Amino acid sequence: MEYVDKYDYLKELVLNEVDIDGKTFRLEEEFDKFFVKGNKTAGKRIRKFMQLIRRTAEDIRQDVQNYKKSI
């Protein structure tokens, strides 16, 4: 995946709907469900979102490091 695609995917994770386990969710809505409404299962979805964000961010970080070494 090219760096622009990874960046767009990272933005999508944070801002738009994302497919998790065959259903679509928005991170902002899950935060609201968990922290405001007390829905414990929303916490599990938040952790899944955060894991996807972490993996994507790590990939981007590696791309930046590799590019930096090449210049």
PDB file of N, CA and C in Angstrom:
ATOM      1  N   MET A   1       0.848  -1.169   0.000  1.00  0.00           N
ATOM      2  CA  MET A   1       0.000   0.000   0.000  1.00  0.00           C
ATOM      3  C   MET A   1       0.898   1.237   0.000  1.00  0.00           C
ATOM      4  N   GLU A   2       0.588   2.174  -0.830  1.00  0.00           N
ATOM      5  CA  GLU A   2       1.370   3.401  -0.935  1.00  0.00           C
ATOM      6  C   GLU A   2       1.066   4.321   0.247  1.00  0.00           C
ATOM      7  N   TYR A   3       2.011   5.197   0.557  1.00  0.00           N
ATOM      8  CA  TYR A   3       1.876   6.033   1.749  1.00  0.00           C
ATOM      9  C   TYR A   3       0.613   6.889   1.740  1.00  0.00           C
ATOM     10  N   VAL A   4       0.210   7.371   0.575  1.00  0.00           N
ATOM     11  CA  VAL A   4      -1.006   8.189   0.497  1.00  0.00           C
ATOM     12  C   VAL A   4      -2.219   7.343   0.860  1.00  0.00           C
ATOM     13  N   ASP A   5      -2.242   6.100   0.406  1.00  0.00           N
ATOM     14  CA  ASP A   5      -3.332   5.195   0.746  1.00  0.00           C
ATOM     15  C   ASP A   5      -3.381   4.941   2.248  1.00  0.00           C
ATOM     16  N   LYS A   6      -2.224   4.776   2.857  1.00  0.00           N
ATOM     17  CA  LYS A   6      -2.166   4.540   4.304  1.00  0.00           C
ATOM     18  C   LYS A   6      -2.667   5.767   5.068  1.00  0.00           C
ATOM     19  N   TYR A   7      -2.261   6.938   4.609  1.00  0.00           N
ATOM     20  CA  TYR A   7      -2.713   8.175   5.245  1.00  0.00           C
ATOM     21  C   TYR A   7      -4.226   8.324   5.122  1.00  0.00           C
ATOM     22  N   ASP A   8      -4.764   8.062   3.937  1.00  0.00           N
ATOM     23  CA  ASP A   8      -6.208   8.143   3.736  1.00  0.00           C
ATOM     24  C   ASP A   8      -6.944   7.130   4.609  1.00  0.00           C
ATOM     25  N   TYR A   9      -6.377   5.927   4.735  1.00  0.00           N
ATOM     26  CA  TYR A   9      -6.989   4.903   5.577  1.00  0.00           C
ATOM     27  C   TYR A   9      -6.983   5.346   7.044  1.00  0.00           C
ATOM     28  N   LEU A  10      -5.898   5.950   7.492  1.00  0.00           N
ATOM     29  CA  LEU A  10      -5.814   6.448   8.856  1.00  0.00           C
ATOM     30  C   LEU A  10      -6.884   7.520   9.103  1.00  0.00           C
ATOM     31  N   LYS A  11      -7.042   8.443   8.161  1.00  0.00           N
ATOM     32  CA  LYS A  11      -8.083   9.469   8.279  1.00  0.00           C
ATOM     33  C   LYS A  11      -9.464   8.827   8.317  1.00  0.00           C
ATOM     34  N   GLU A  12      -9.673   7.821   7.482  1.00  0.00           N
ATOM     35  CA  GLU A  12     -10.960   7.132   7.446  1.00  0.00           C
ATOM     36  C   GLU A  12     -11.268   6.486   8.792  1.00  0.00           C
ATOM     37  N   LEU A  13     -10.266   5.862   9.406  1.00  0.00           N
ATOM     38  CA  LEU A  13     -10.476   5.231  10.707  1.00  0.00           C
ATOM     39  C   LEU A  13     -10.965   6.234  11.742  1.00  0.00           C
ATOM     40  N   VAL A  14     -10.391   7.418  11.716  1.00  0.00           N
ATOM     41  CA  VAL A  14     -10.714   8.415  12.730  1.00  0.00           C
ATOM     42  C   VAL A  14     -12.009   9.162  12.407  1.00  0.00           C
ATOM     43  N   LEU A  15     -12.254   9.466  11.138  1.00  0.00           N
ATOM     44  CA  LEU A  15     -13.352  10.360  10.786  1.00  0.00           C
ATOM     45  C   LEU A  15     -14.609   9.687  10.227  1.00  0.00           C
ATOM     46  N   ASN A  16     -14.454   8.569   9.544  1.00  0.00           N
ATOM     47  CA  ASN A  16     -15.586   7.981   8.828  1.00  0.00           C
ATOM     48  C   ASN A  16     -16.008   6.653   9.427  1.00  0.00           C
ATOM     49  N   GLU A  17     -17.005   6.055   8.806  1.00  0.00           N
ATOM     50  CA  GLU A  17     -17.457   4.731   9.217  1.00  0.00           C
ATOM     51  C   GLU A  17     -16.436   3.684   8.794  1.00  0.00           C
ATOM     52  N   VAL A  18     -16.247   2.693   9.661  1.00  0.00           N
ATOM     53  CA  VAL A  18     -15.298   1.622   9.402  1.00  0.00           C
ATOM     54  C   VAL A  18     -15.998   0.293   9.646  1.00  0.00           C
ATOM     55  N   ASP A  19     -15.694  -0.681   8.813  1.00  0.00           N
ATOM     56  CA  ASP A  19     -16.263  -2.010   8.942  1.00  0.00           C
ATOM     57  C   ASP A  19     -15.479  -2.806   9.984  1.00  0.00           C
ATOM     58  N   ILE A  20     -16.169  -3.225  11.045  1.00  0.00           N
ATOM     59  CA  ILE A  20     -15.578  -4.080  12.077  1.00  0.00           C
ATOM     60  C   ILE A  20     -16.512  -5.257  12.282  1.00  0.00           C
ATOM     61  N   ASP A  21     -15.999  -6.443  12.059  1.00  0.00           N
ATOM     62  CA  ASP A  21     -16.778  -7.677  12.221  1.00  0.00           C
ATOM     63  C   ASP A  21     -18.070  -7.671  11.412  1.00  0.00           C
ATOM     64  N   GLY A  22     -18.003  -7.147  10.200  1.00  0.00           N
ATOM     65  CA  GLY A  22     -19.143  -7.167   9.295  1.00  0.00           C
ATOM     66  C   GLY A  22     -20.167  -6.064   9.507  1.00  0.00           C
ATOM     67  N   LYS A  23     -19.930  -5.173  10.458  1.00  0.00           N
ATOM     68  CA  LYS A  23     -20.841  -4.059  10.699  1.00  0.00           C
ATOM     69  C   LYS A  23     -20.050  -2.766  10.616  1.00  0.00           C
ATOM     70  N   THR A  24     -20.741  -1.665  10.308  1.00  0.00           N
ATOM     71  CA  THR A  24     -20.048  -0.380  10.203  1.00  0.00           C
ATOM     72  C   THR A  24     -20.255   0.432  11.481  1.00  0.00           C
ATOM     73  N   PHE A  25     -19.171   1.052  11.916  1.00  0.00           N
ATOM     74  CA  PHE A  25     -19.188   1.860  13.127  1.00  0.00           C
ATOM     75  C   PHE A  25     -18.388   3.130  12.895  1.00  0.00           C
ATOM     76  N   ARG A  26     -18.674   4.163  13.696  1.00  0.00           N
ATOM     77  CA  ARG A  26     -17.887   5.407  13.694  1.00  0.00           C
ATOM     78  C   ARG A  26     -17.259   5.543  15.069  1.00  0.00           C
ATOM     79  N   LEU A  27     -15.992   5.889  15.113  1.00  0.00           N
ATOM     80  CA  LEU A  27     -15.257   6.006  16.366  1.00  0.00           C
ATOM     81  C   LEU A  27     -15.919   7.020  17.298  1.00  0.00           C
ATOM     82  N   GLU A  28     -16.308   8.155  16.753  1.00  0.00           N
ATOM     83  CA  GLU A  28     -16.927   9.195  17.574  1.00  0.00           C
ATOM     84  C   GLU A  28     -18.196   8.693  18.256  1.00  0.00           C
ATOM     85  N   GLU A  29     -19.018   7.956  17.524  1.00  0.00           N
ATOM     86  CA  GLU A  29     -20.251   7.419  18.091  1.00  0.00           C
ATOM     87  C   GLU A  29     -19.958   6.384  19.174  1.00  0.00           C
ATOM     88  N   GLU A  30     -18.937   5.580  18.963  1.00  0.00           N
ATOM     89  CA  GLU A  30     -18.581   4.565  19.954  1.00  0.00           C
ATOM     90  C   GLU A  30     -18.066   5.214  21.234  1.00  0.00           C
ATOM     91  N   PHE A  31     -17.300   6.300  21.118  1.00  0.00           N
ATOM     92  CA  PHE A  31     -16.856   7.038  22.304  1.00  0.00           C
ATOM     93  C   PHE A  31     -18.065   7.551  23.078  1.00  0.00           C
ATOM     94  N   ASP A  32     -19.038   8.099  22.364  1.00  0.00           N
ATOM     95  CA  ASP A  32     -20.246   8.611  22.998  1.00  0.00           C
ATOM     96  C   ASP A  32     -21.011   7.487  23.701  1.00  0.00           C
ATOM     97  N   LYS A  33     -21.164   6.361  23.022  1.00  0.00           N
ATOM     98  CA  LYS A  33     -21.882   5.229  23.614  1.00  0.00           C
ATOM     99  C   LYS A  33     -21.191   4.728  24.884  1.00  0.00           C
ATOM    100  N   PHE A  34     -19.866   4.691  24.849  1.00  0.00           N
ATOM    101  CA  PHE A  34     -19.125   4.149  25.981  1.00  0.00           C
ATOM    102  C   PHE A  34     -19.040   5.133  27.141  1.00  0.00           C
ATOM    103  N   PHE A  35     -18.562   6.341  26.870  1.00  0.00           N
ATOM    104  CA  PHE A  35     -18.290   7.279  27.952  1.00  0.00           C
ATOM    105  C   PHE A  35     -19.526   8.025  28.450  1.00  0.00           C
ATOM    106  N   VAL A  36     -20.493   8.287  27.585  1.00  0.00           N
ATOM    107  CA  VAL A  36     -21.679   9.035  27.993  1.00  0.00           C
ATOM    108  C   VAL A  36     -22.811   8.100  28.406  1.00  0.00           C
ATOM    109  N   LYS A  37     -23.063   7.084  27.571  1.00  0.00           N
ATOM    110  CA  LYS A  37     -24.203   6.209  27.818  1.00  0.00           C
ATOM    111  C   LYS A  37     -23.847   4.971  28.640  1.00  0.00           C
ATOM    112  N   GLY A  38     -22.548   4.694  28.814  1.00  0.00           N
ATOM    113  CA  GLY A  38     -22.138   3.558  29.638  1.00  0.00           C
ATOM    114  C   GLY A  38     -22.274   2.204  28.968  1.00  0.00           C
ATOM    115  N   ASN A  39     -22.294   2.166  27.652  1.00  0.00           N
ATOM    116  CA  ASN A  39     -22.406   0.908  26.912  1.00  0.00           C
ATOM    117  C   ASN A  39     -21.041   0.208  26.896  1.00  0.00           C
ATOM    118  N   LYS A  40     -20.922  -0.877  27.659  1.00  0.00           N
ATOM    119  CA  LYS A  40     -19.629  -1.553  27.811  1.00  0.00           C
ATOM    120  C   LYS A  40     -19.143  -2.211  26.521  1.00  0.00           C
ATOM    121  N   THR A  41     -20.041  -2.695  25.685  1.00  0.00           N
ATOM    122  CA  THR A  41     -19.600  -3.336  24.440  1.00  0.00           C
ATOM    123  C   THR A  41     -19.005  -2.323  23.464  1.00  0.00           C
ATOM    124  N   ALA A  42     -19.385  -1.066  23.598  1.00  0.00           N
ATOM    125  CA  ALA A  42     -18.777  -0.022  22.764  1.00  0.00           C
ATOM    126  C   ALA A  42     -17.296   0.114  23.104  1.00  0.00           C
ATOM    127  N   GLY A  43     -16.921  -0.168  24.340  1.00  0.00           N
ATOM    128  CA  GLY A  43     -15.513  -0.142  24.740  1.00  0.00           C
ATOM    129  C   GLY A  43     -14.690  -1.149  23.966  1.00  0.00           C
ATOM    130  N   LYS A  44     -15.262  -2.312  23.707  1.00  0.00           N
ATOM    131  CA  LYS A  44     -14.568  -3.340  22.917  1.00  0.00           C
ATOM    132  C   LYS A  44     -14.340  -2.843  21.492  1.00  0.00           C
ATOM    133  N   ARG A  45     -15.341  -2.182  20.930  1.00  0.00           N
ATOM    134  CA  ARG A  45     -15.198  -1.648  19.576  1.00  0.00           C
ATOM    135  C   ARG A  45     -14.183  -0.516  19.539  1.00  0.00           C
ATOM    136  N   ILE A  46     -14.149   0.310  20.577  1.00  0.00           N
ATOM    137  CA  ILE A  46     -13.148   1.373  20.643  1.00  0.00           C
ATOM    138  C   ILE A  46     -11.753   0.768  20.649  1.00  0.00           C
ATOM    139  N   ARG A  47     -11.560  -0.293  21.410  1.00  0.00           N
ATOM    140  CA  ARG A  47     -10.243  -0.942  21.454  1.00  0.00           C
ATOM    141  C   ARG A  47      -9.872  -1.506  20.083  1.00  0.00           C
ATOM    142  N   LYS A  48     -10.837  -2.042  19.352  1.00  0.00           N
ATOM    143  CA  LYS A  48     -10.565  -2.537  17.997  1.00  0.00           C
ATOM    144  C   LYS A  48     -10.168  -1.395  17.073  1.00  0.00           C
ATOM    145  N   PHE A  49     -10.899  -0.282  17.173  1.00  0.00           N
ATOM    146  CA  PHE A  49     -10.535   0.903  16.397  1.00  0.00           C
ATOM    147  C   PHE A  49      -9.104   1.314  16.704  1.00  0.00           C
ATOM    148  N   MET A  50      -8.793   1.412  17.986  1.00  0.00           N
ATOM    149  CA  MET A  50      -7.474   1.880  18.396  1.00  0.00           C
ATOM    150  C   MET A  50      -6.375   0.922  17.926  1.00  0.00           C
ATOM    151  N   GLN A  51      -6.656  -0.365  17.902  1.00  0.00           N
ATOM    152  CA  GLN A  51      -5.680  -1.342  17.399  1.00  0.00           C
ATOM    153  C   GLN A  51      -5.441  -1.121  15.904  1.00  0.00           C
ATOM    154  N   LEU A  52      -6.500  -0.880  15.146  1.00  0.00           N
ATOM    155  CA  LEU A  52      -6.348  -0.594  13.715  1.00  0.00           C
ATOM    156  C   LEU A  52      -5.546   0.687  13.506  1.00  0.00           C
ATOM    157  N   ILE A  53      -5.829   1.700  14.309  1.00  0.00           N
ATOM    158  CA  ILE A  53      -5.099   2.971  14.212  1.00  0.00           C
ATOM    159  C   ILE A  53      -3.634   2.746  14.544  1.00  0.00           C
ATOM    160  N   ARG A  54      -3.362   1.969  15.585  1.00  0.00           N
ATOM    161  CA  ARG A  54      -1.984   1.712  15.995  1.00  0.00           C
ATOM    162  C   ARG A  54      -1.203   0.999  14.893  1.00  0.00           C
ATOM    163  N   ARG A  55      -1.803  -0.028  14.302  1.00  0.00           N
ATOM    164  CA  ARG A  55      -1.118  -0.768  13.228  1.00  0.00           C
ATOM    165  C   ARG A  55      -0.843   0.131  12.027  1.00  0.00           C
ATOM    166  N   THR A  56      -1.829   0.917  11.640  1.00  0.00           N
ATOM    167  CA  THR A  56      -1.670   1.810  10.499  1.00  0.00           C
ATOM    168  C   THR A  56      -0.608   2.865  10.786  1.00  0.00           C
ATOM    169  N   ALA A  57      -0.635   3.431  11.983  1.00  0.00           N
ATOM    170  CA  ALA A  57       0.358   4.435  12.361  1.00  0.00           C
ATOM    171  C   ALA A  57       1.765   3.835  12.367  1.00  0.00           C
ATOM    172  N   GLU A  58       1.894   2.605  12.823  1.00  0.00           N
ATOM    173  CA  GLU A  58       3.209   1.944  12.827  1.00  0.00           C
ATOM    174  C   GLU A  58       3.716   1.732  11.402  1.00  0.00           C
ATOM    175  N   ASP A  59       2.832   1.341  10.494  1.00  0.00           N
ATOM    176  CA  ASP A  59       3.220   1.188   9.086  1.00  0.00           C
ATOM    177  C   ASP A  59       3.704   2.518   8.505  1.00  0.00           C
ATOM    178  N   ILE A  60       2.962   3.585   8.787  1.00  0.00           N
ATOM    179  CA  ILE A  60       3.345   4.904   8.289  1.00  0.00           C
ATOM    180  C   ILE A  60       4.681   5.321   8.903  1.00  0.00           C
ATOM    181  N   ARG A  61       4.849   5.058  10.181  1.00  0.00           N
ATOM    182  CA  ARG A  61       6.102   5.397  10.862  1.00  0.00           C
ATOM    183  C   ARG A  61       7.280   4.686  10.203  1.00  0.00           C
ATOM    184  N   GLN A  62       7.117   3.418   9.871  1.00  0.00           N
ATOM    185  CA  GLN A  62       8.176   2.664   9.203  1.00  0.00           C
ATOM    186  C   GLN A  62       8.467   3.236   7.822  1.00  0.00           C
ATOM    187  N   ASP A  63       7.426   3.613   7.089  1.00  0.00           N
ATOM    188  CA  ASP A  63       7.619   4.226   5.779  1.00  0.00           C
ATOM    189  C   ASP A  63       8.421   5.520   5.884  1.00  0.00           C
ATOM    190  N   VAL A  64       8.086   6.334   6.893  1.00  0.00           N
ATOM    191  CA  VAL A  64       8.804   7.594   7.099  1.00  0.00           C
ATOM    192  C   VAL A  64      10.260   7.315   7.426  1.00  0.00           C
ATOM    193  N   GLN A  65      10.498   6.355   8.305  1.00  0.00           N
ATOM    194  CA  GLN A  65      11.872   6.017   8.688  1.00  0.00           C
ATOM    195  C   GLN A  65      12.672   5.508   7.488  1.00  0.00           C
ATOM    196  N   ASN A  66      12.083   4.639   6.694  1.00  0.00           N
ATOM    197  CA  ASN A  66      12.758   4.103   5.518  1.00  0.00           C
ATOM    198  C   ASN A  66      13.052   5.203   4.497  1.00  0.00           C
ATOM    199  N   TYR A  67      12.080   6.089   4.292  1.00  0.00           N
ATOM    200  CA  TYR A  67      12.284   7.192   3.347  1.00  0.00           C
ATOM    201  C   TYR A  67      13.381   8.118   3.846  1.00  0.00           C
ATOM    202  N   LYS A  68      13.366   8.392   5.145  1.00  0.00           N
ATOM    203  CA  LYS A  68      14.377   9.274   5.728  1.00  0.00           C
ATOM    204  C   LYS A  68      15.777   8.709   5.546  1.00  0.00           C
ATOM    205  N   LYS A  69      15.914   7.407   5.641  1.00  0.00           N
ATOM    206  CA  LYS A  69      17.218   6.763   5.456  1.00  0.00           C
ATOM    207  C   LYS A  69      17.679   6.845   4.006  1.00  0.00           C
ATOM    208  N   SER A  70      16.725   6.907   3.077  1.00  0.00           N
ATOM    209  CA  SER A  70      17.091   6.896   1.661  1.00  0.00           C
ATOM    210  C   SER A  70      17.499   8.273   1.122  1.00  0.00           C
ATOM    211  N   ILE A  71      17.244   9.330   1.870  1.00  0.00           N
ATOM    212  CA  ILE A  71      17.616  10.679   1.377  1.00  0.00           C
ATOM    213  C   ILE A  71      18.856  11.194   2.062  1.00  0.00           C
TER     214      ILE A  71
END
